[in-house]
């Protein structure tokens, strides 16, 4: 959706769409973390010449150091406790 289209969207529709996107964002984050955990489990970052998952997250995925740290920590948490992904995805 283009920015100009957003500017003419009725306030109630804009708020409803934003709420819907918020739910999608949570599900996508859980999915991203599951993928990152699988890369870590397989140590695929080594095949791509990265010495660590953190280096992969900064060098390949382009995350800042802070964002990479949070995501790698969360991915490892999800790998250890898979139920957390469901809680994250549905907002618990």
PDB file of N, CA and C in Angstrom:
ATOM      1  N   UNK A   1       0.852  -1.174   0.000  1.00  0.00           N
ATOM      2  CA  UNK A   1       0.000   0.000   0.000  1.00  0.00           C
ATOM      3  C   UNK A   1       0.897   1.236   0.000  1.00  0.00           C
ATOM      4  N   UNK A   2       0.588   2.186  -0.851  1.00  0.00           N
ATOM      5  CA  UNK A   2       1.408   3.385  -0.981  1.00  0.00           C
ATOM      6  C   UNK A   2       1.095   4.365   0.135  1.00  0.00           C
ATOM      7  N   UNK A   3       2.055   5.223   0.443  1.00  0.00           N
ATOM      8  CA  UNK A   3       1.898   6.210   1.506  1.00  0.00           C
ATOM      9  C   UNK A   3       0.714   7.127   1.234  1.00  0.00           C
ATOM     10  N   UNK A   4       0.504   7.495  -0.018  1.00  0.00           N
ATOM     11  CA  UNK A   4      -0.619   8.372  -0.331  1.00  0.00           C
ATOM     12  C   UNK A   4      -1.940   7.677  -0.045  1.00  0.00           C
ATOM     13  N   UNK A   5      -1.994   6.361  -0.285  1.00  0.00           N
ATOM     14  CA  UNK A   5      -3.220   5.621   0.001  1.00  0.00           C
ATOM     15  C   UNK A   5      -3.475   5.586   1.505  1.00  0.00           C
ATOM     16  N   UNK A   6      -2.417   5.508   2.287  1.00  0.00           N
ATOM     17  CA  UNK A   6      -2.572   5.516   3.745  1.00  0.00           C
ATOM     18  C   UNK A   6      -3.095   6.856   4.235  1.00  0.00           C
ATOM     19  N   UNK A   7      -2.691   7.932   3.590  1.00  0.00           N
ATOM     20  CA  UNK A   7      -3.096   9.262   4.043  1.00  0.00           C
ATOM     21  C   UNK A   7      -4.590   9.513   3.868  1.00  0.00           C
ATOM     22  N   UNK A   8      -5.239   8.770   2.994  1.00  0.00           N
ATOM     23  CA  UNK A   8      -6.675   8.960   2.789  1.00  0.00           C
ATOM     24  C   UNK A   8      -7.513   7.873   3.455  1.00  0.00           C
ATOM     25  N   UNK A   9      -6.868   6.948   4.115  1.00  0.00           N
ATOM     26  CA  UNK A   9      -7.572   5.862   4.786  1.00  0.00           C
ATOM     27  C   UNK A   9      -8.318   6.401   6.000  1.00  0.00           C
ATOM     28  N   UNK A  10      -9.567   5.997   6.158  1.00  0.00           N
ATOM     29  CA  UNK A  10     -10.373   6.434   7.305  1.00  0.00           C
ATOM     30  C   UNK A  10      -9.682   6.014   8.603  1.00  0.00           C
ATOM     31  N   UNK A  11      -9.774   6.830   9.638  1.00  0.00           N
ATOM     32  CA  UNK A  11      -9.086   6.536  10.902  1.00  0.00           C
ATOM     33  C   UNK A  11      -9.397   5.158  11.477  1.00  0.00           C
ATOM     34  N   UNK A  12     -10.657   4.739  11.430  1.00  0.00           N
ATOM     35  CA  UNK A  12     -11.008   3.435  11.985  1.00  0.00           C
ATOM     36  C   UNK A  12     -10.397   2.290  11.165  1.00  0.00           C
ATOM     37  N   UNK A  13     -10.328   2.460   9.852  1.00  0.00           N
ATOM     38  CA  UNK A  13      -9.717   1.444   8.997  1.00  0.00           C
ATOM     39  C   UNK A  13      -8.203   1.404   9.186  1.00  0.00           C
ATOM     40  N   UNK A  14      -7.598   2.572   9.359  1.00  0.00           N
ATOM     41  CA  UNK A  14      -6.164   2.639   9.598  1.00  0.00           C
ATOM     42  C   UNK A  14      -5.813   1.932  10.912  1.00  0.00           C
ATOM     43  N   UNK A  15      -6.591   2.207  11.946  1.00  0.00           N
ATOM     44  CA  UNK A  15      -6.350   1.570  13.247  1.00  0.00           C
ATOM     45  C   UNK A  15      -6.562   0.057  13.170  1.00  0.00           C
ATOM     46  N   UNK A  16      -7.600  -0.376  12.463  1.00  0.00           N
ATOM     47  CA  UNK A  16      -7.874  -1.812  12.323  1.00  0.00           C
ATOM     48  C   UNK A  16      -6.750  -2.499  11.550  1.00  0.00           C
ATOM     49  N   UNK A  17      -6.269  -1.863  10.513  1.00  0.00           N
ATOM     50  CA  UNK A  17      -5.177  -2.442   9.719  1.00  0.00           C
ATOM     51  C   UNK A  17      -3.899  -2.526  10.553  1.00  0.00           C
ATOM     52  N   UNK A  18      -3.631  -1.501  11.324  1.00  0.00           N
ATOM     53  CA  UNK A  18      -2.453  -1.493  12.178  1.00  0.00           C
ATOM     54  C   UNK A  18      -2.520  -2.616  13.211  1.00  0.00           C
ATOM     55  N   UNK A  19      -3.688  -2.840  13.779  1.00  0.00           N
ATOM     56  CA  UNK A  19      -3.870  -3.928  14.744  1.00  0.00           C
ATOM     57  C   UNK A  19      -3.625  -5.284  14.077  1.00  0.00           C
ATOM     58  N   UNK A  20      -4.117  -5.437  12.867  1.00  0.00           N
ATOM     59  CA  UNK A  20      -3.913  -6.674  12.113  1.00  0.00           C
ATOM     60  C   UNK A  20      -2.423  -6.890  11.815  1.00  0.00           C
ATOM     61  N   UNK A  21      -1.738  -5.844  11.412  1.00  0.00           N
ATOM     62  CA  UNK A  21      -0.307  -5.935  11.132  1.00  0.00           C
ATOM     63  C   UNK A  21       0.493  -6.282  12.378  1.00  0.00           C
ATOM     64  N   UNK A  22       0.047  -5.785  13.525  1.00  0.00           N
ATOM     65  CA  UNK A  22       0.707  -6.102  14.784  1.00  0.00           C
ATOM     66  C   UNK A  22       0.713  -7.608  15.035  1.00  0.00           C
ATOM     67  N   UNK A  23      -0.390  -8.264  14.766  1.00  0.00           N
ATOM     68  CA  UNK A  23      -0.470  -9.716  14.911  1.00  0.00           C
ATOM     69  C   UNK A  23       0.423 -10.444  13.924  1.00  0.00           C
ATOM     70  N   UNK A  24       0.452  -9.963  12.699  1.00  0.00           N
ATOM     71  CA  UNK A  24       1.325 -10.564  11.686  1.00  0.00           C
ATOM     72  C   UNK A  24       2.792 -10.395  12.067  1.00  0.00           C
ATOM     73  N   UNK A  25       3.118  -9.245  12.624  1.00  0.00           N
ATOM     74  CA  UNK A  25       4.499  -8.985  13.034  1.00  0.00           C
ATOM     75  C   UNK A  25       4.956  -9.999  14.081  1.00  0.00           C
ATOM     76  N   UNK A  26       4.099 -10.291  15.062  1.00  0.00           N
ATOM     77  CA  UNK A  26       4.447 -11.275  16.096  1.00  0.00           C
ATOM     78  C   UNK A  26       4.672 -12.650  15.492  1.00  0.00           C
ATOM     79  N   UNK A  27       3.777 -13.066  14.596  1.00  0.00           N
ATOM     80  CA  UNK A  27       3.924 -14.383  13.967  1.00  0.00           C
ATOM     81  C   UNK A  27       5.185 -14.452  13.107  1.00  0.00           C
ATOM     82  N   UNK A  28       5.462 -13.389  12.373  1.00  0.00           N
ATOM     83  CA  UNK A  28       6.672 -13.357  11.547  1.00  0.00           C
ATOM     84  C   UNK A  28       7.941 -13.366  12.401  1.00  0.00           C
ATOM     85  N   UNK A  29       7.917 -12.669  13.522  1.00  0.00           N
ATOM     86  CA  UNK A  29       9.073 -12.675  14.403  1.00  0.00           C
ATOM     87  C   UNK A  29       9.324 -14.073  14.952  1.00  0.00           C
ATOM     88  N   UNK A  30       8.265 -14.759  15.368  1.00  0.00           N
ATOM     89  CA  UNK A  30       8.417 -16.137  15.859  1.00  0.00           C
ATOM     90  C   UNK A  30       8.977 -17.035  14.759  1.00  0.00           C
ATOM     91  N   UNK A  31       8.501 -16.870  13.542  1.00  0.00           N
ATOM     92  CA  UNK A  31       8.995 -17.663  12.416  1.00  0.00           C
ATOM     93  C   UNK A  31      10.467 -17.345  12.117  1.00  0.00           C
ATOM     94  N   UNK A  32      10.815 -16.074  12.125  1.00  0.00           N
ATOM     95  CA  UNK A  32      12.193 -15.675  11.906  1.00  0.00           C
ATOM     96  C   UNK A  32      13.106 -16.286  12.969  1.00  0.00           C
ATOM     97  N   UNK A  33      12.686 -16.248  14.226  1.00  0.00           N
ATOM     98  CA  UNK A  33      13.504 -16.796  15.304  1.00  0.00           C
ATOM     99  C   UNK A  33      13.654 -18.310  15.173  1.00  0.00           C
ATOM    100  N   UNK A  34      12.600 -18.975  14.730  1.00  0.00           N
ATOM    101  CA  UNK A  34      12.707 -20.428  14.497  1.00  0.00           C
ATOM    102  C   UNK A  34      13.738 -20.730  13.404  1.00  0.00           C
ATOM    103  N   UNK A  35      13.717 -19.935  12.349  1.00  0.00           N
ATOM    104  CA  UNK A  35      14.698 -20.117  11.271  1.00  0.00           C
ATOM    105  C   UNK A  35      16.119 -19.844  11.775  1.00  0.00           C
ATOM    106  N   UNK A  36      16.267 -18.791  12.530  1.00  0.00           N
ATOM    107  CA  UNK A  36      17.578 -18.460  13.074  1.00  0.00           C
ATOM    108  C   UNK A  36      18.076 -19.563  14.005  1.00  0.00           C
ATOM    109  N   UNK A  37      17.174 -20.124  14.789  1.00  0.00           N
ATOM    110  CA  UNK A  37      17.541 -21.240  15.673  1.00  0.00           C
ATOM    111  C   UNK A  37      17.984 -22.460  14.864  1.00  0.00           C
ATOM    112  N   UNK A  38      17.353 -22.692  13.731  1.00  0.00           N
ATOM    113  CA  UNK A  38      17.736 -23.830  12.888  1.00  0.00           C
ATOM    114  C   UNK A  38      19.110 -23.603  12.250  1.00  0.00           C
ATOM    115  N   UNK A  39      19.364 -22.371  11.826  1.00  0.00           N
ATOM    116  CA  UNK A  39      20.700 -22.040  11.315  1.00  0.00           C
ATOM    117  C   UNK A  39      21.730 -22.298  12.409  1.00  0.00           C
ATOM    118  N   UNK A  40      21.401 -21.926  13.636  1.00  0.00           N
ATOM    119  CA  UNK A  40      22.310 -22.155  14.758  1.00  0.00           C
ATOM    120  C   UNK A  40      22.484 -23.647  15.035  1.00  0.00           C
ATOM    121  N   UNK A  41      21.381 -24.391  15.036  1.00  0.00           N
ATOM    122  CA  UNK A  41      21.444 -25.831  15.316  1.00  0.00           C
ATOM    123  C   UNK A  41      22.345 -26.548  14.313  1.00  0.00           C
ATOM    124  N   UNK A  42      22.204 -26.168  13.046  1.00  0.00           N
ATOM    125  CA  UNK A  42      23.002 -26.800  11.990  1.00  0.00           C
ATOM    126  C   UNK A  42      24.390 -26.167  11.823  1.00  0.00           C
ATOM    127  N   UNK A  43      24.587 -25.053  12.504  1.00  0.00           N
ATOM    128  CA  UNK A  43      25.837 -24.293  12.386  1.00  0.00           C
ATOM    129  C   UNK A  43      26.107 -23.896  10.933  1.00  0.00           C
ATOM    130  N   UNK A  44      25.037 -23.534  10.238  1.00  0.00           N
ATOM    131  CA  UNK A  44      25.148 -23.173   8.820  1.00  0.00           C
ATOM    132  C   UNK A  44      25.943 -21.898   8.601  1.00  0.00           C
ATOM    133  N   UNK A  45      26.033 -21.068   9.617  1.00  0.00           N
ATOM    134  CA  UNK A  45      26.812 -19.839   9.492  1.00  0.00           C
ATOM    135  C   UNK A  45      28.274 -20.151   9.188  1.00  0.00           C
ATOM    136  N   UNK A  46      28.760 -21.323   9.638  1.00  0.00           N
ATOM    137  CA  UNK A  46      30.147 -21.711   9.350  1.00  0.00           C
ATOM    138  C   UNK A  46      30.345 -21.960   7.858  1.00  0.00           C
ATOM    139  N   UNK A  47      29.336 -22.565   7.214  1.00  0.00           N
ATOM    140  CA  UNK A  47      29.403 -22.821   5.768  1.00  0.00           C
ATOM    141  C   UNK A  47      29.456 -21.527   4.964  1.00  0.00           C
ATOM    142  N   UNK A  48      28.973 -20.445   5.585  1.00  0.00           N
ATOM    143  CA  UNK A  48      28.963 -19.151   4.909  1.00  0.00           C
ATOM    144  C   UNK A  48      30.118 -18.264   5.387  1.00  0.00           C
ATOM    145  N   UNK A  49      31.072 -18.876   6.048  1.00  0.00           N
ATOM    146  CA  UNK A  49      32.306 -18.203   6.502  1.00  0.00           C
ATOM    147  C   UNK A  49      32.081 -17.188   7.621  1.00  0.00           C
ATOM    148  N   UNK A  50      31.056 -17.417   8.441  1.00  0.00           N
ATOM    149  CA  UNK A  50      30.850 -16.592   9.623  1.00  0.00           C
ATOM    150  C   UNK A  50      31.237 -17.414  10.847  1.00  0.00           C
ATOM    151  N   UNK A  51      32.003 -16.836  11.773  1.00  0.00           N
ATOM    152  CA  UNK A  51      32.480 -17.603  12.925  1.00  0.00           C
ATOM    153  C   UNK A  51      31.421 -17.878  13.989  1.00  0.00           C
ATOM    154  N   UNK A  52      30.302 -17.165  13.915  1.00  0.00           N
ATOM    155  CA  UNK A  52      29.273 -17.330  14.946  1.00  0.00           C
ATOM    156  C   UNK A  52      27.912 -16.930  14.392  1.00  0.00           C
ATOM    157  N   UNK A  53      26.880 -17.313  15.121  1.00  0.00           N
ATOM    158  CA  UNK A  53      25.530 -16.900  14.734  1.00  0.00           C
ATOM    159  C   UNK A  53      25.394 -15.382  14.815  1.00  0.00           C
ATOM    160  N   UNK A  54      26.030 -14.807  15.827  1.00  0.00           N
ATOM    161  CA  UNK A  54      26.002 -13.353  15.979  1.00  0.00           C
ATOM    162  C   UNK A  54      26.624 -12.669  14.751  1.00  0.00           C
ATOM    163  N   UNK A  55      27.765 -13.161  14.307  1.00  0.00           N
ATOM    164  CA  UNK A  55      28.420 -12.587  13.126  1.00  0.00           C
ATOM    165  C   UNK A  55      27.546 -12.753  11.888  1.00  0.00           C
ATOM    166  N   UNK A  56      26.872 -13.883  11.784  1.00  0.00           N
ATOM    167  CA  UNK A  56      25.937 -14.122  10.688  1.00  0.00           C
ATOM    168  C   UNK A  56      24.795 -13.110  10.725  1.00  0.00           C
ATOM    169  N   UNK A  57      24.261 -12.885  11.924  1.00  0.00           N
ATOM    170  CA  UNK A  57      23.132 -11.965  12.066  1.00  0.00           C
ATOM    171  C   UNK A  57      23.517 -10.526  11.741  1.00  0.00           C
ATOM    172  N   UNK A  58      24.747 -10.147  12.068  1.00  0.00           N
ATOM    173  CA  UNK A  58      25.173  -8.783  11.739  1.00  0.00           C
ATOM    174  C   UNK A  58      25.670  -8.685  10.300  1.00  0.00           C
ATOM    175  N   UNK A  59      26.496  -9.644   9.895  1.00  0.00           N
ATOM    176  CA  UNK A  59      27.121  -9.567   8.575  1.00  0.00           C
ATOM    177  C   UNK A  59      26.234  -9.945   7.416  1.00  0.00           C
ATOM    178  N   UNK A  60      25.433 -10.989   7.584  1.00  0.00           N
ATOM    179  CA  UNK A  60      24.580 -11.453   6.491  1.00  0.00           C
ATOM    180  C   UNK A  60      23.188 -10.837   6.554  1.00  0.00           C
ATOM    181  N   UNK A  61      22.592 -10.857   7.738  1.00  0.00           N
ATOM    182  CA  UNK A  61      21.228 -10.336   7.865  1.00  0.00           C
ATOM    183  C   UNK A  61      21.174  -8.820   8.044  1.00  0.00           C
ATOM    184  N   UNK A  62      22.304  -8.228   8.407  1.00  0.00           N
ATOM    185  CA  UNK A  62      22.364  -6.771   8.486  1.00  0.00           C
ATOM    186  C   UNK A  62      21.803  -6.163   9.755  1.00  0.00           C
ATOM    187  N   UNK A  63      21.653  -6.949  10.804  1.00  0.00           N
ATOM    188  CA  UNK A  63      21.156  -6.413  12.065  1.00  0.00           C
ATOM    189  C   UNK A  63      22.250  -5.609  12.763  1.00  0.00           C
ATOM    190  N   UNK A  64      21.846  -4.635  13.544  1.00  0.00           N
ATOM    191  CA  UNK A  64      22.800  -3.937  14.405  1.00  0.00           C
ATOM    192  C   UNK A  64      23.280  -4.935  15.453  1.00  0.00           C
ATOM    193  N   UNK A  65      24.329  -4.598  16.160  1.00  0.00           N
ATOM    194  CA  UNK A  65      24.843  -5.494  17.192  1.00  0.00           C
ATOM    195  C   UNK A  65      23.801  -5.762  18.269  1.00  0.00           C
ATOM    196  N   UNK A  66      23.088  -4.731  18.661  1.00  0.00           N
ATOM    197  CA  UNK A  66      22.059  -4.900  19.695  1.00  0.00           C
ATOM    198  C   UNK A  66      20.924  -5.796  19.208  1.00  0.00           C
ATOM    199  N   UNK A  67      20.466  -5.553  17.985  1.00  0.00           N
ATOM    200  CA  UNK A  67      19.379  -6.361  17.431  1.00  0.00           C
ATOM    201  C   UNK A  67      19.824  -7.804  17.215  1.00  0.00           C
ATOM    202  N   UNK A  68      21.054  -7.997  16.766  1.00  0.00           N
ATOM    203  CA  UNK A  68      21.582  -9.355  16.564  1.00  0.00           C
ATOM    204  C   UNK A  68      21.676 -10.095  17.887  1.00  0.00           C
ATOM    205  N   UNK A  69      22.140  -9.408  18.925  1.00  0.00           N
ATOM    206  CA  UNK A  69      22.233 -10.037  20.239  1.00  0.00           C
ATOM    207  C   UNK A  69      20.856 -10.481  20.731  1.00  0.00           C
ATOM    208  N   UNK A  70      19.870  -9.586  20.615  1.00  0.00           N
ATOM    209  CA  UNK A  70      18.514  -9.923  21.076  1.00  0.00           C
ATOM    210  C   UNK A  70      17.939 -11.098  20.297  1.00  0.00           C
ATOM    211  N   UNK A  71      18.120 -11.094  18.991  1.00  0.00           N
ATOM    212  CA  UNK A  71      17.553 -12.166  18.168  1.00  0.00           C
ATOM    213  C   UNK A  71      18.277 -13.497  18.350  1.00  0.00           C
ATOM    214  N   UNK A  72      19.591 -13.482  18.455  1.00  0.00           N
ATOM    215  CA  UNK A  72      20.293 -14.746  18.667  1.00  0.00           C
ATOM    216  C   UNK A  72      19.968 -15.319  20.050  1.00  0.00           C
ATOM    217  N   UNK A  73      19.861 -14.455  21.032  1.00  0.00           N
ATOM    218  CA  UNK A  73      19.480 -14.910  22.375  1.00  0.00           C
ATOM    219  C   UNK A  73      18.071 -15.485  22.354  1.00  0.00           C
ATOM    220  N   UNK A  74      17.156 -14.798  21.702  1.00  0.00           N
ATOM    221  CA  UNK A  74      15.771 -15.270  21.622  1.00  0.00           C
ATOM    222  C   UNK A  74      15.675 -16.564  20.818  1.00  0.00           C
ATOM    223  N   UNK A  75      16.439 -16.675  19.737  1.00  0.00           N
ATOM    224  CA  UNK A  75      16.412 -17.895  18.927  1.00  0.00           C
ATOM    225  C   UNK A  75      16.885 -19.090  19.753  1.00  0.00           C
ATOM    226  N   UNK A  76      17.902 -18.893  20.547  1.00  0.00           N
ATOM    227  CA  UNK A  76      18.402 -19.981  21.397  1.00  0.00           C
ATOM    228  C   UNK A  76      17.415 -20.321  22.504  1.00  0.00           C
ATOM    229  N   UNK A  77      16.732 -19.330  22.991  1.00  0.00           N
ATOM    230  CA  UNK A  77      15.682 -19.580  23.977  1.00  0.00           C
ATOM    231  C   UNK A  77      14.558 -20.407  23.355  1.00  0.00           C
ATOM    232  N   UNK A  78      14.154 -20.047  22.144  1.00  0.00           N
ATOM    233  CA  UNK A  78      13.103 -20.797  21.454  1.00  0.00           C
ATOM    234  C   UNK A  78      13.539 -22.226  21.158  1.00  0.00           C
ATOM    235  N   UNK A  79      14.806 -22.409  20.835  1.00  0.00           N
ATOM    236  CA  UNK A  79      15.303 -23.764  20.568  1.00  0.00           C
ATOM    237  C   UNK A  79      15.237 -24.614  21.834  1.00  0.00           C
ATOM    238  N   UNK A  80      15.501 -23.981  22.942  1.00  0.00           N
ATOM    239  CA  UNK A  80      15.501 -24.705  24.222  1.00  0.00           C
ATOM    240  C   UNK A  80      14.098 -24.923  24.765  1.00  0.00           C
ATOM    241  N   UNK A  81      13.217 -23.941  24.559  1.00  0.00           N
ATOM    242  CA  UNK A  81      11.844 -23.995  25.049  1.00  0.00           C
ATOM    243  C   UNK A  81      10.888 -23.651  23.893  1.00  0.00           C
ATOM    244  N   UNK A  82      10.570 -24.610  23.028  1.00  0.00           N
ATOM    245  CA  UNK A  82       9.770 -24.324  21.822  1.00  0.00           C
ATOM    246  C   UNK A  82       8.405 -23.689  22.090  1.00  0.00           C
ATOM    247  N   UNK A  83       7.822 -23.929  23.224  1.00  0.00           N
ATOM    248  CA  UNK A  83       6.508 -23.363  23.523  1.00  0.00           C
ATOM    249  C   UNK A  83       6.547 -21.834  23.548  1.00  0.00           C
ATOM    250  N   UNK A  84       7.710 -21.267  23.794  1.00  0.00           N
ATOM    251  CA  UNK A  84       7.834 -19.807  23.824  1.00  0.00           C
ATOM    252  C   UNK A  84       7.476 -19.205  22.465  1.00  0.00           C
ATOM    253  N   UNK A  85       7.778 -19.899  21.384  1.00  0.00           N
ATOM    254  CA  UNK A  85       7.447 -19.389  20.048  1.00  0.00           C
ATOM    255  C   UNK A  85       5.944 -19.209  19.888  1.00  0.00           C
ATOM    256  N   UNK A  86       5.174 -20.158  20.396  1.00  0.00           N
ATOM    257  CA  UNK A  86       3.713 -20.046  20.305  1.00  0.00           C
ATOM    258  C   UNK A  86       3.233 -18.857  21.141  1.00  0.00           C
ATOM    259  N   UNK A  87       3.825 -18.677  22.304  1.00  0.00           N
ATOM    260  CA  UNK A  87       3.438 -17.540  23.166  1.00  0.00           C
ATOM    261  C   UNK A  87       3.766 -16.214  22.486  1.00  0.00           C
ATOM    262  N   UNK A  88       4.932 -16.150  21.860  1.00  0.00           N
ATOM    263  CA  UNK A  88       5.329 -14.944  21.151  1.00  0.00           C
ATOM    264  C   UNK A  88       4.382 -14.683  19.977  1.00  0.00           C
ATOM    265  N   UNK A  89       4.085 -15.707  19.217  1.00  0.00           N
ATOM    266  CA  UNK A  89       3.257 -15.556  18.015  1.00  0.00           C
ATOM    267  C   UNK A  89       1.838 -15.084  18.326  1.00  0.00           C
ATOM    268  N   UNK A  90       1.273 -15.538  19.447  1.00  0.00           N
ATOM    269  CA  UNK A  90      -0.101 -15.120  19.742  1.00  0.00           C
ATOM    270  C   UNK A  90      -0.191 -14.007  20.785  1.00  0.00           C
ATOM    271  N   UNK A  91       0.950 -13.482  21.200  1.00  0.00           N
ATOM    272  CA  UNK A  91       0.946 -12.319  22.070  1.00  0.00           C
ATOM    273  C   UNK A  91       0.873 -12.599  23.544  1.00  0.00           C
ATOM    274  N   UNK A  92       1.019 -13.863  23.937  1.00  0.00           N
ATOM    275  CA  UNK A  92       1.017 -14.142  25.373  1.00  0.00           C
ATOM    276  C   UNK A  92       2.324 -13.695  25.966  1.00  0.00           C
TER     277      UNK A  92
END
